[in-house]
Amino acid sequence: MAGRAGALIVAAALAALTLGPLALVMARAGGGALGAADWAALRFTILQAAVSSLVSVLLAVPVARALARRSFPGRGLMIALLGAPFLLPVIVAVLGIIAVFGRAGLLNRGFEALGLAPLSIYGLHGVVLAHVFFNMPFAVRLILQGWLAIPSERFRLAAALGFGPSDVARHLERPMLREVLPGVALVVFVICLSSFAVALTLGGGPRATTVELAIYQALRFEFDLGRAALLAALQFTICGAAVLATGAVALPSAFGAGLDRAAVPFAPRGWRRVADALVLTAAAAFLLLPMAMVAARGLPGLFQLPPEVWAAAGRSLSVALPSAFLSVSGALVLALASPRFGLVATLPLAASSLVLGTGLFLAVHPFLNPTLVALPVTMLVNAVLSLPFAYRILAPEARALEADYGRLAQALGLGGLARLRWLTLPRLRRPLGFALGVSAALAMGDLGVIALFAGEGGATLPLLVQRLMGAYRLEQAAGAALLLVLTSFALFWIFDRGGRHAAS
């Protein structure tokens, strides 16, 4: 009963923090009308999300297929590498992409050496490129699960029947892809709908403005609260509709009951083996090169950063650590209570930091200067937005714990804090450490609500990197970006390793 009461409190707080700002937005947006520029921003938002999801999924299929059917040294490391962009601060990845594909980047320098005209990274193609960098690896991980869920027995039967690669693709792989790809594409589409930092740095002008970027401009530059509220309501509507569509097209958890394996047996040889090697090499280069450029440009100036960068890093840590603990604590309470709280836990996915930030800005503005509460609001919003990810990590382990030890704990009269201390925390240390690491890294690299609230002297590290880039102080921006990457991954490593070490 106590656990259920705690879950109800957390669920009510989460609903209030998600729907409360939305209610303020709706109230302020009442009676307004969207202009031509706003409809253009809506069209661009949907267009870039659709193109980004399509390209990400199309490129992910050959990479996932190559990983699924090939065993090679470093395969596990490459699969782990596919998770890096999810934790990489967006503004840092954008800086790396500019270093490779920008006007003075590696690609254009190669074009100049060949006497070709340079390419511009700004606009729709730049936004799509950045989204593919972030979401293609995520799509690969999801599609790879579908491939490895095909039972090994089916591949053995196919080999016994003399199936060739085209027959295997027709009877085993394509049916799996028809089930998996729609859900993967929708998940990526939802993520791309609310990518504020990418549009802010690579949008390139009014014709490449997303709804979230329009919200930011309405608040920070025009101070048009009514228009910002109307745009925020629109953003919540399209994100909510996309989340509902994603729930209706759920990813299958398995494709039959197969044995665990490292790779698909009976992988085709010949030119297909060479093609898989080329695909994996290209994917690794696409992921590693931008990160290597950030390291190469930022390392020389890492220990000569101005004091403002270290101050911003301190502010980011003061946001990330409490945000992670608050998010994981709430997710744990919901995960231990009942699967029915899963719907509430996923509610923040329909909102973005800009939507929640707009509502909280409207709530705070009449009473005090929003810059005074920039860090607490940023911490709270990050905790809310990372809770769905923490819940997804903890919920399966919590259900297994209840199935294995729930009755025994009840028979022993173990409840409350005693149950938490002696049963829950020891058994869930590994997923708790992983969830804390993910939440802290996400909060450390977030560039969303802080952009609305922070004044000139209150920037977090991601916001300061963006400002340094905007001021063309690229060497300092690279050094600050490298510091941000190192801090984000250090937080993830410390929490994740701590959880795994305590569980061993």
Protein backbone atom coordinates (compact mmCIF):
# COMPACT_ATOMS: atom_id res chain seq x y z
CA MET A 1 0.00 0.00 0.00
CA ALA A 2 2.82 2.38 0.87
CA GLY A 3 4.48 1.67 -2.47
CA ARG A 4 1.24 2.30 -4.33
CA ALA A 5 0.68 5.55 -2.42
CA GLY A 6 4.19 6.69 -3.31
CA ALA A 7 3.59 5.81 -6.95
CA LEU A 8 0.36 7.81 -6.95
CA ILE A 9 2.22 10.82 -5.55
CA VAL A 10 4.96 10.52 -8.17
CA ALA A 11 2.40 10.03 -10.94
CA ALA A 12 0.43 13.07 -9.80
CA ALA A 13 3.58 15.20 -9.63
CA LEU A 14 4.68 14.00 -13.06
CA ALA A 15 1.27 14.72 -14.57
CA ALA A 16 1.23 18.16 -12.94
CA LEU A 17 4.72 19.01 -14.22
CA THR A 18 3.82 17.84 -17.72
CA LEU A 19 0.20 18.90 -18.09
CA GLY A 20 0.37 21.95 -15.80
CA PRO A 21 2.73 23.93 -18.06
CA LEU A 22 0.67 22.75 -21.01
CA ALA A 23 -2.50 24.12 -19.38
CA LEU A 24 -0.80 27.49 -18.88
CA VAL A 25 0.30 27.41 -22.50
CA MET A 26 -3.22 26.62 -23.69
CA ALA A 27 -4.73 29.35 -21.54
CA ARG A 28 -2.30 31.95 -22.85
CA ALA A 29 -2.65 30.74 -26.44
CA GLY A 30 -6.43 31.04 -26.47
CA GLY A 31 -7.77 33.36 -29.15
CA GLY A 32 -4.49 33.63 -31.05
CA ALA A 33 -3.82 32.77 -34.66
CA LEU A 34 -0.86 31.33 -36.48
CA GLY A 35 0.83 33.39 -39.17
CA ALA A 36 2.35 32.29 -42.46
CA ALA A 37 5.79 31.92 -40.88
CA ASP A 38 4.36 29.67 -38.16
CA TRP A 39 2.71 27.35 -40.69
CA ALA A 40 5.99 27.28 -42.60
CA ALA A 41 7.77 26.25 -39.40
CA LEU A 42 5.21 23.48 -38.88
CA ARG A 43 5.69 22.18 -42.42
CA PHE A 44 9.47 22.24 -42.05
CA THR A 45 9.28 20.47 -38.68
CA ILE A 46 7.25 17.60 -40.11
CA LEU A 47 9.30 17.49 -43.32
CA GLN A 48 12.68 17.30 -41.61
CA ALA A 49 11.43 14.71 -39.12
CA ALA A 50 9.97 12.55 -41.90
CA VAL A 51 13.06 12.77 -44.11
CA SER A 52 15.39 12.21 -41.13
CA SER A 53 13.50 9.12 -39.97
CA LEU A 54 13.33 7.69 -43.50
CA VAL A 55 17.04 8.18 -44.20
CA SER A 56 18.06 6.95 -40.74
CA VAL A 57 16.07 3.72 -41.10
CA LEU A 58 17.15 3.06 -44.69
CA LEU A 59 20.82 3.42 -43.75
CA ALA A 60 20.36 1.41 -40.54
CA VAL A 61 19.08 -1.72 -42.29
CA PRO A 62 22.35 -2.72 -44.07
CA VAL A 63 24.40 -1.84 -40.97
CA ALA A 64 22.16 -3.95 -38.71
CA ARG A 65 22.22 -6.80 -41.24
CA ALA A 66 26.02 -6.72 -41.40
CA LEU A 67 26.32 -6.73 -37.62
CA ALA A 68 23.75 -9.51 -37.30
CA ARG A 69 25.46 -11.94 -39.65
CA ARG A 70 29.18 -11.23 -39.13
CA SER A 71 31.48 -12.12 -36.25
CA PHE A 72 34.72 -10.16 -36.14
CA PRO A 73 37.17 -8.76 -33.57
CA GLY A 74 35.74 -5.58 -32.09
CA ARG A 75 32.12 -6.41 -32.90
CA GLY A 76 31.04 -5.83 -29.30
CA LEU A 77 32.94 -2.54 -29.21
CA MET A 78 31.20 -1.38 -32.37
CA ILE A 79 27.77 -2.27 -30.98
CA ALA A 80 28.68 -0.28 -27.85
CA LEU A 81 29.78 2.60 -30.10
CA LEU A 82 26.27 2.72 -31.53
CA GLY A 83 25.03 3.85 -28.13
CA ALA A 84 27.46 6.77 -27.91
CA PRO A 85 25.49 9.32 -29.99
CA PHE A 86 22.50 8.90 -27.66
CA LEU A 87 24.63 10.14 -24.74
CA LEU A 88 26.66 12.64 -26.75
CA PRO A 89 25.60 16.26 -26.11
CA VAL A 90 23.81 17.49 -29.21
CA ILE A 91 25.74 20.74 -29.45
CA VAL A 92 29.04 18.81 -29.38
CA ALA A 93 27.96 16.47 -32.14
CA VAL A 94 26.87 19.46 -34.22
CA LEU A 95 30.30 21.02 -33.71
CA GLY A 96 31.94 17.78 -34.89
CA ILE A 97 29.65 17.56 -37.91
CA ILE A 98 30.54 21.15 -38.86
CA ALA A 99 34.22 20.27 -38.52
CA VAL A 100 33.77 17.47 -41.06
CA PHE A 101 31.03 18.76 -43.37
CA GLY A 102 31.09 22.53 -42.76
CA ARG A 103 32.42 25.20 -45.08
CA ALA A 104 35.96 24.89 -43.66
CA GLY A 105 35.58 21.19 -42.85
CA LEU A 106 37.41 18.15 -44.14
CA LEU A 107 34.93 17.43 -46.93
CA ASN A 108 34.96 20.93 -48.42
CA ARG A 109 38.73 21.13 -48.18
CA GLY A 110 38.84 17.98 -50.25
CA PHE A 111 36.43 19.54 -52.74
CA GLU A 112 38.59 22.65 -52.97
CA ALA A 113 41.67 20.53 -53.64
CA LEU A 114 39.79 18.93 -56.52
CA GLY A 115 38.60 22.30 -57.83
CA LEU A 116 34.95 21.67 -56.89
CA ALA A 117 32.51 24.15 -55.36
CA PRO A 118 32.05 23.87 -51.56
CA LEU A 119 28.84 22.55 -50.04
CA SER A 120 26.83 24.35 -47.37
CA ILE A 121 25.76 22.33 -44.36
CA TYR A 122 23.06 24.77 -43.29
CA GLY A 123 19.42 24.17 -44.10
CA LEU A 124 17.31 21.05 -44.46
CA HIS A 125 20.18 18.80 -45.54
CA GLY A 126 22.29 19.88 -42.54
CA VAL A 127 19.45 19.20 -40.10
CA VAL A 128 18.84 15.80 -41.69
CA LEU A 129 22.55 14.96 -41.59
CA ALA A 130 22.75 15.72 -37.87
CA HIS A 131 19.60 13.70 -37.16
CA VAL A 132 20.97 10.74 -39.10
CA PHE A 133 24.17 10.94 -37.03
CA PHE A 134 22.14 10.69 -33.82
CA ASN A 135 19.35 8.35 -34.86
CA MET A 136 20.84 5.92 -37.38
CA PRO A 137 22.84 4.16 -34.60
CA PHE A 138 19.69 4.05 -32.43
CA ALA A 139 17.74 2.53 -35.33
CA VAL A 140 20.53 -0.01 -35.88
CA ARG A 141 20.27 -1.17 -32.26
CA LEU A 142 16.49 -1.65 -32.56
CA ILE A 143 16.65 -3.43 -35.92
CA LEU A 144 19.54 -5.60 -34.72
CA GLN A 145 17.32 -6.86 -31.89
CA GLY A 146 14.78 -7.98 -34.48
CA TRP A 147 17.44 -9.79 -36.51
CA LEU A 148 18.89 -11.62 -33.52
CA ALA A 149 15.39 -12.55 -32.32
CA ILE A 150 14.86 -14.77 -35.39
CA PRO A 151 15.43 -18.28 -33.97
CA SER A 152 18.66 -19.97 -34.96
CA GLU A 153 16.66 -23.10 -35.74
CA ARG A 154 15.05 -21.31 -38.68
CA PHE A 155 18.43 -20.51 -40.18
CA ARG A 156 19.51 -24.14 -39.74
CA LEU A 157 16.32 -25.30 -41.42
CA ALA A 158 16.91 -22.84 -44.26
CA ALA A 159 20.45 -24.18 -44.72
CA ALA A 160 19.16 -27.78 -44.69
CA LEU A 161 16.62 -26.89 -47.39
CA GLY A 162 19.34 -25.35 -49.54
CA PHE A 163 18.13 -21.75 -49.23
CA GLY A 164 20.35 -19.12 -50.80
CA PRO A 165 20.79 -15.55 -49.46
CA SER A 166 17.83 -14.28 -51.51
CA ASP A 167 15.60 -17.07 -50.16
CA VAL A 168 16.65 -16.32 -46.57
CA ALA A 169 15.91 -12.64 -47.13
CA ARG A 170 12.49 -13.42 -48.59
CA HIS A 171 11.28 -15.92 -46.00
CA LEU A 172 13.03 -14.82 -42.78
CA GLU A 173 14.45 -11.30 -42.94
CA ARG A 174 11.85 -9.34 -44.86
CA PRO A 175 8.90 -10.52 -42.69
CA MET A 176 10.87 -9.40 -39.61
CA LEU A 177 11.65 -6.03 -41.20
CA ARG A 178 7.98 -5.47 -42.10
CA GLU A 179 7.17 -5.84 -38.40
CA VAL A 180 10.06 -3.84 -36.99
CA LEU A 181 10.66 -0.96 -39.40
CA PRO A 182 7.35 0.95 -38.96
CA GLY A 183 7.86 1.17 -35.21
CA VAL A 184 11.51 2.15 -35.54
CA ALA A 185 10.67 4.86 -38.09
CA LEU A 186 7.96 6.31 -35.84
CA VAL A 187 10.27 6.38 -32.80
CA VAL A 188 12.93 8.25 -34.78
CA PHE A 189 10.26 10.58 -36.18
CA VAL A 190 9.15 11.50 -32.63
CA ILE A 191 12.74 12.20 -31.58
CA CYS A 192 13.35 14.43 -34.61
CA LEU A 193 10.21 16.49 -33.95
CA SER A 194 11.74 18.07 -30.85
CA SER A 195 15.42 18.59 -31.71
CA PHE A 196 15.92 22.20 -30.73
CA ALA A 197 19.72 22.39 -30.69
CA VAL A 198 20.10 20.95 -34.20
CA ALA A 199 17.70 23.47 -35.73
CA LEU A 200 19.25 26.31 -33.72
CA THR A 201 22.75 25.71 -35.08
CA LEU A 202 22.13 24.18 -38.52
CA GLY A 203 18.76 25.61 -39.55
CA GLY A 204 20.31 28.35 -41.60
CA GLY A 205 17.46 30.85 -41.82
CA PRO A 206 13.69 31.41 -41.80
CA ARG A 207 13.04 28.69 -44.39
CA ALA A 208 14.61 26.10 -42.07
CA THR A 209 12.89 27.04 -38.81
CA THR A 210 11.21 24.37 -36.67
CA VAL A 211 8.32 24.99 -34.30
CA GLU A 212 10.65 24.76 -31.29
CA LEU A 213 13.04 27.28 -32.79
CA ALA A 214 10.07 29.58 -33.46
CA ILE A 215 9.08 29.26 -29.79
CA TYR A 216 12.58 30.25 -28.74
CA GLN A 217 12.60 33.25 -31.08
CA ALA A 218 9.15 34.39 -29.92
CA LEU A 219 10.26 34.36 -26.28
CA ARG A 220 13.87 35.50 -26.43
CA PHE A 221 13.84 38.03 -29.25
CA GLU A 222 10.25 39.16 -29.76
CA PHE A 223 8.92 38.55 -26.23
CA ASP A 224 5.56 37.62 -27.76
CA LEU A 225 4.20 35.39 -25.00
CA GLY A 226 0.90 34.73 -26.76
CA ARG A 227 2.57 33.53 -29.98
CA ALA A 228 5.08 31.45 -28.02
CA ALA A 229 2.24 29.82 -26.10
CA LEU A 230 0.31 29.07 -29.29
CA LEU A 231 3.38 27.52 -30.90
CA ALA A 232 4.07 25.47 -27.76
CA ALA A 233 0.51 24.13 -27.85
CA LEU A 234 1.01 23.20 -31.50
CA GLN A 235 4.29 21.45 -30.72
CA PHE A 236 2.69 19.44 -27.91
CA THR A 237 -0.16 18.43 -30.22
CA ILE A 238 2.05 17.06 -32.99
CA CYS A 239 4.41 15.34 -30.52
CA GLY A 240 1.47 13.82 -28.63
CA ALA A 241 -0.07 12.53 -31.85
CA ALA A 242 3.25 11.02 -32.89
CA VAL A 243 3.71 9.34 -29.47
CA LEU A 244 0.21 7.83 -29.69
CA ALA A 245 0.98 6.54 -33.17
CA THR A 246 4.19 5.02 -31.87
CA GLY A 247 2.28 3.21 -29.14
CA ALA A 248 -0.12 1.81 -31.71
CA VAL A 249 2.78 0.42 -33.78
CA ALA A 250 4.74 -1.25 -31.01
CA LEU A 251 8.07 -2.90 -31.65
CA PRO A 252 7.82 -6.70 -31.40
CA SER A 253 9.70 -8.08 -28.41
CA ALA A 254 10.65 -11.31 -30.19
CA PHE A 255 10.30 -13.31 -33.38
CA GLY A 256 9.68 -16.75 -31.99
CA ALA A 257 11.74 -18.36 -29.28
CA GLY A 258 15.33 -18.74 -30.41
CA LEU A 259 18.63 -19.48 -28.77
CA ASP A 260 21.01 -16.66 -27.84
CA ARG A 261 23.83 -16.15 -30.32
CA ALA A 262 26.55 -13.71 -31.26
CA ALA A 263 25.69 -13.60 -34.97
CA VAL A 264 23.39 -15.16 -37.55
CA PRO A 265 24.69 -18.63 -38.53
CA PHE A 266 25.46 -19.56 -42.12
CA ALA A 267 26.24 -15.99 -43.19
CA PRO A 268 26.65 -15.58 -46.97
CA ARG A 269 30.15 -15.26 -48.33
CA GLY A 270 31.63 -13.83 -51.50
CA TRP A 271 30.77 -10.28 -52.54
CA ARG A 272 28.16 -10.01 -49.75
CA ARG A 273 30.92 -10.43 -47.16
CA VAL A 274 32.92 -7.62 -48.81
CA ALA A 275 29.78 -5.44 -48.96
CA ASP A 276 29.12 -5.99 -45.23
CA ALA A 277 32.70 -5.01 -44.42
CA LEU A 278 32.39 -1.83 -46.47
CA VAL A 279 29.07 -0.95 -44.81
CA LEU A 280 30.49 -1.41 -41.31
CA THR A 281 33.62 0.58 -42.16
CA ALA A 282 31.56 3.47 -43.57
CA ALA A 283 29.25 3.47 -40.54
CA ALA A 284 32.17 3.48 -38.11
CA ALA A 285 33.85 6.33 -39.99
CA PHE A 286 30.60 8.33 -40.06
CA LEU A 287 30.26 8.02 -36.29
CA LEU A 288 33.90 8.34 -35.25
CA LEU A 289 35.13 11.12 -37.53
CA PRO A 290 33.04 13.99 -36.04
CA MET A 291 33.92 12.90 -32.50
CA ALA A 292 37.60 12.60 -33.44
CA MET A 293 37.51 16.12 -34.91
CA VAL A 294 36.06 17.51 -31.68
CA ALA A 295 38.83 15.82 -29.72
CA ALA A 296 41.56 16.97 -32.12
CA ARG A 297 40.40 20.59 -32.12
CA GLY A 298 39.53 20.79 -28.43
CA LEU A 299 42.49 19.01 -26.87
CA PRO A 300 45.12 21.77 -27.44
CA GLY A 301 43.02 24.34 -25.61
CA LEU A 302 41.43 22.10 -23.00
CA PHE A 303 43.71 23.32 -20.21
CA GLN A 304 43.63 26.96 -21.31
CA LEU A 305 39.90 27.54 -21.10
CA PRO A 306 38.64 30.86 -19.75
CA PRO A 307 37.08 30.94 -16.26
CA GLU A 308 33.58 31.31 -17.72
CA VAL A 309 33.82 27.78 -19.15
CA TRP A 310 34.67 26.21 -15.79
CA ALA A 311 31.89 28.18 -14.13
CA ALA A 312 29.45 26.93 -16.76
CA ALA A 313 30.67 23.36 -16.19
CA GLY A 314 29.96 23.76 -12.49
CA ARG A 315 26.44 24.97 -13.24
CA SER A 316 25.87 22.01 -15.55
CA LEU A 317 26.97 19.58 -12.83
CA SER A 318 24.70 21.30 -10.32
CA VAL A 319 21.82 20.62 -12.73
CA ALA A 320 22.77 17.13 -13.93
CA LEU A 321 23.37 15.39 -10.59
CA PRO A 322 20.15 16.30 -8.75
CA SER A 323 18.19 15.89 -11.98
CA ALA A 324 19.48 12.33 -12.38
CA PHE A 325 18.74 11.33 -8.79
CA LEU A 326 15.28 12.88 -8.91
CA SER A 327 14.44 11.22 -12.23
CA VAL A 328 15.66 7.76 -11.25
CA SER A 329 13.99 7.94 -7.84
CA GLY A 330 10.64 8.74 -9.45
CA ALA A 331 11.11 6.05 -12.10
CA LEU A 332 11.98 3.47 -9.44
CA VAL A 333 8.84 4.23 -7.44
CA LEU A 334 6.67 3.84 -10.55
CA ALA A 335 8.48 0.71 -11.73
CA LEU A 336 8.03 -1.03 -8.37
CA ALA A 337 4.33 -0.22 -8.13
CA SER A 338 2.44 -1.56 -11.14
CA PRO A 339 2.77 -1.83 -14.93
CA ARG A 340 -0.31 0.41 -15.15
CA PHE A 341 1.86 3.38 -14.21
CA GLY A 342 3.83 2.89 -17.43
CA LEU A 343 1.46 5.19 -19.33
CA VAL A 344 2.09 8.02 -16.87
CA ALA A 345 5.84 7.40 -17.04
CA THR A 346 5.82 7.86 -20.82
CA LEU A 347 3.73 11.04 -20.67
CA PRO A 348 6.75 13.41 -20.89
CA LEU A 349 7.61 11.94 -24.29
CA ALA A 350 4.75 14.00 -25.72
CA ALA A 351 6.36 17.19 -24.41
CA SER A 352 9.70 18.78 -25.14
CA SER A 353 11.94 20.96 -23.02
CA LEU A 354 10.87 24.03 -24.99
CA VAL A 355 7.16 23.30 -24.44
CA LEU A 356 7.61 22.71 -20.71
CA GLY A 357 9.97 25.66 -20.50
CA THR A 358 7.43 27.95 -22.17
CA GLY A 359 4.73 26.96 -19.69
CA LEU A 360 7.03 27.44 -16.71
CA PHE A 361 8.23 30.75 -18.15
CA LEU A 362 4.61 31.92 -18.31
CA ALA A 363 4.09 30.77 -14.72
CA VAL A 364 7.18 32.51 -13.35
CA HIS A 365 7.30 35.70 -15.40
CA PRO A 366 4.52 37.66 -13.63
CA PHE A 367 6.18 37.21 -10.24
CA LEU A 368 9.97 37.33 -10.69
CA ASN A 369 12.77 37.50 -13.19
CA PRO A 370 12.98 34.07 -14.90
CA THR A 371 16.79 34.19 -14.89
CA LEU A 372 16.72 33.83 -11.09
CA VAL A 373 15.24 30.32 -11.33
CA ALA A 374 17.01 29.19 -14.50
CA LEU A 375 18.97 26.35 -12.90
CA PRO A 376 16.19 24.91 -10.68
CA VAL A 377 13.72 24.96 -13.58
CA THR A 378 16.27 23.36 -15.90
CA MET A 379 16.98 20.66 -13.32
CA LEU A 380 13.27 19.94 -12.86
CA VAL A 381 12.50 19.80 -16.58
CA ASN A 382 15.47 17.52 -17.26
CA ALA A 383 14.32 15.18 -14.48
CA VAL A 384 10.85 15.00 -16.02
CA LEU A 385 12.09 14.43 -19.56
CA SER A 386 14.63 11.73 -18.65
CA LEU A 387 12.19 9.80 -16.42
CA PRO A 388 10.68 7.77 -19.33
CA PHE A 389 14.15 6.47 -20.25
CA ALA A 390 14.95 5.61 -16.63
CA TYR A 391 11.59 3.87 -16.29
CA ARG A 392 12.22 1.78 -19.41
CA ILE A 393 15.55 0.66 -17.92
CA LEU A 394 14.17 -0.17 -14.47
CA ALA A 395 10.69 -1.56 -15.19
CA PRO A 396 11.68 -5.01 -16.60
CA GLU A 397 14.14 -5.63 -13.76
CA ALA A 398 11.61 -4.47 -11.16
CA ARG A 399 8.95 -6.83 -12.52
CA ALA A 400 11.40 -9.74 -12.49
CA LEU A 401 12.33 -8.88 -8.90
CA GLU A 402 8.69 -8.89 -7.83
CA ALA A 403 8.07 -12.22 -9.60
CA ASP A 404 11.08 -13.87 -7.96
CA TYR A 405 11.01 -12.44 -4.43
CA GLY A 406 7.67 -10.68 -3.94
CA ARG A 407 5.89 -13.51 -2.14
CA LEU A 408 8.91 -14.30 0.01
CA ALA A 409 9.19 -10.66 1.07
CA GLN A 410 5.50 -10.60 2.00
CA ALA A 411 5.84 -13.84 3.97
CA LEU A 412 8.74 -12.35 5.92
CA GLY A 413 6.85 -9.12 6.55
CA LEU A 414 9.54 -7.17 4.71
CA GLY A 415 8.20 -3.79 3.64
CA GLY A 416 8.88 -0.08 3.49
CA LEU A 417 12.44 1.10 3.97
CA ALA A 418 13.59 -2.34 5.10
CA ARG A 419 12.48 -3.91 1.83
CA LEU A 420 14.12 -1.08 -0.09
CA ARG A 421 17.41 -1.53 1.80
CA TRP A 422 17.69 -5.31 1.94
CA LEU A 423 15.97 -6.42 -1.27
CA THR A 424 15.28 -3.72 -3.84
CA LEU A 425 18.51 -1.72 -3.90
CA PRO A 426 20.89 -4.72 -3.77
CA ARG A 427 19.03 -6.53 -6.56
CA LEU A 428 18.58 -3.47 -8.79
CA ARG A 429 22.01 -1.88 -8.41
CA ARG A 430 23.07 -2.65 -11.96
CA PRO A 431 20.02 -1.09 -13.74
CA LEU A 432 19.96 1.74 -11.21
CA GLY A 433 23.56 2.63 -12.01
CA PHE A 434 22.85 2.46 -15.74
CA ALA A 435 19.72 4.62 -15.39
CA LEU A 436 21.59 7.18 -13.28
CA GLY A 437 24.39 7.31 -15.84
CA VAL A 438 22.02 7.82 -18.76
CA SER A 439 19.96 10.46 -16.92
CA ALA A 440 23.03 12.40 -15.76
CA ALA A 441 24.60 12.38 -19.23
CA LEU A 442 21.36 13.54 -20.86
CA ALA A 443 20.93 16.35 -18.34
CA MET A 444 24.57 17.38 -18.65
CA GLY A 445 24.29 17.87 -22.40
CA ASP A 446 20.79 19.33 -22.62
CA LEU A 447 20.34 22.58 -24.51
CA GLY A 448 16.66 23.38 -24.20
CA VAL A 449 14.92 25.13 -21.35
CA ILE A 450 18.14 26.77 -20.18
CA ALA A 451 18.18 28.71 -23.47
CA LEU A 452 14.89 30.34 -22.48
CA PHE A 453 15.75 31.18 -18.88
CA ALA A 454 19.47 31.84 -18.64
CA GLY A 455 20.89 35.35 -18.66
CA GLU A 456 24.30 36.38 -19.91
CA GLY A 457 26.11 35.13 -16.81
CA GLY A 458 24.06 32.02 -16.06
CA ALA A 459 24.77 29.73 -19.00
CA THR A 460 25.35 26.01 -18.59
CA LEU A 461 28.16 24.38 -20.55
CA PRO A 462 26.05 23.37 -23.62
CA LEU A 463 24.61 26.88 -23.87
CA LEU A 464 28.06 28.42 -23.53
CA VAL A 465 29.39 26.18 -26.33
CA GLN A 466 26.54 27.37 -28.55
CA ARG A 467 27.27 31.02 -27.71
CA LEU A 468 30.99 30.57 -28.41
CA MET A 469 30.15 29.01 -31.77
CA GLY A 470 27.81 31.90 -32.56
CA ALA A 471 30.59 34.37 -31.72
CA TYR A 472 33.04 32.44 -33.98
CA ARG A 473 35.32 31.70 -31.02
CA LEU A 474 35.75 28.23 -32.47
CA GLU A 475 38.92 27.20 -30.61
CA GLN A 476 37.35 27.96 -27.24
CA ALA A 477 34.10 26.33 -28.39
CA ALA A 478 36.02 23.17 -29.31
CA GLY A 479 37.80 23.09 -25.95
CA ALA A 480 34.54 23.64 -24.05
CA ALA A 481 32.84 21.00 -26.18
CA LEU A 482 35.54 18.45 -25.38
CA LEU A 483 35.18 19.26 -21.69
CA LEU A 484 31.43 18.71 -22.02
CA VAL A 485 31.93 15.33 -23.71
CA LEU A 486 34.44 14.17 -21.13
CA THR A 487 32.21 15.24 -18.25
CA SER A 488 29.08 13.64 -19.74
CA PHE A 489 30.76 10.31 -20.43
CA ALA A 490 32.56 10.41 -17.07
CA LEU A 491 29.23 10.77 -15.28
CA PHE A 492 27.79 7.86 -17.25
CA TRP A 493 30.86 5.69 -16.64
CA ILE A 494 31.01 6.42 -12.90
CA PHE A 495 27.34 5.61 -12.28
CA ASP A 496 27.19 2.64 -14.66
CA ARG A 497 30.42 1.09 -13.39
CA GLY A 498 29.38 1.74 -9.81
CA GLY A 499 26.13 -0.13 -10.36
CA ARG A 500 27.83 -3.06 -12.09
CA HIS A 501 30.60 -3.23 -9.49
CA ALA A 502 28.15 -3.19 -6.58
CA ALA A 503 26.06 -5.92 -8.21
CA SER A 504 29.04 -8.25 -8.78
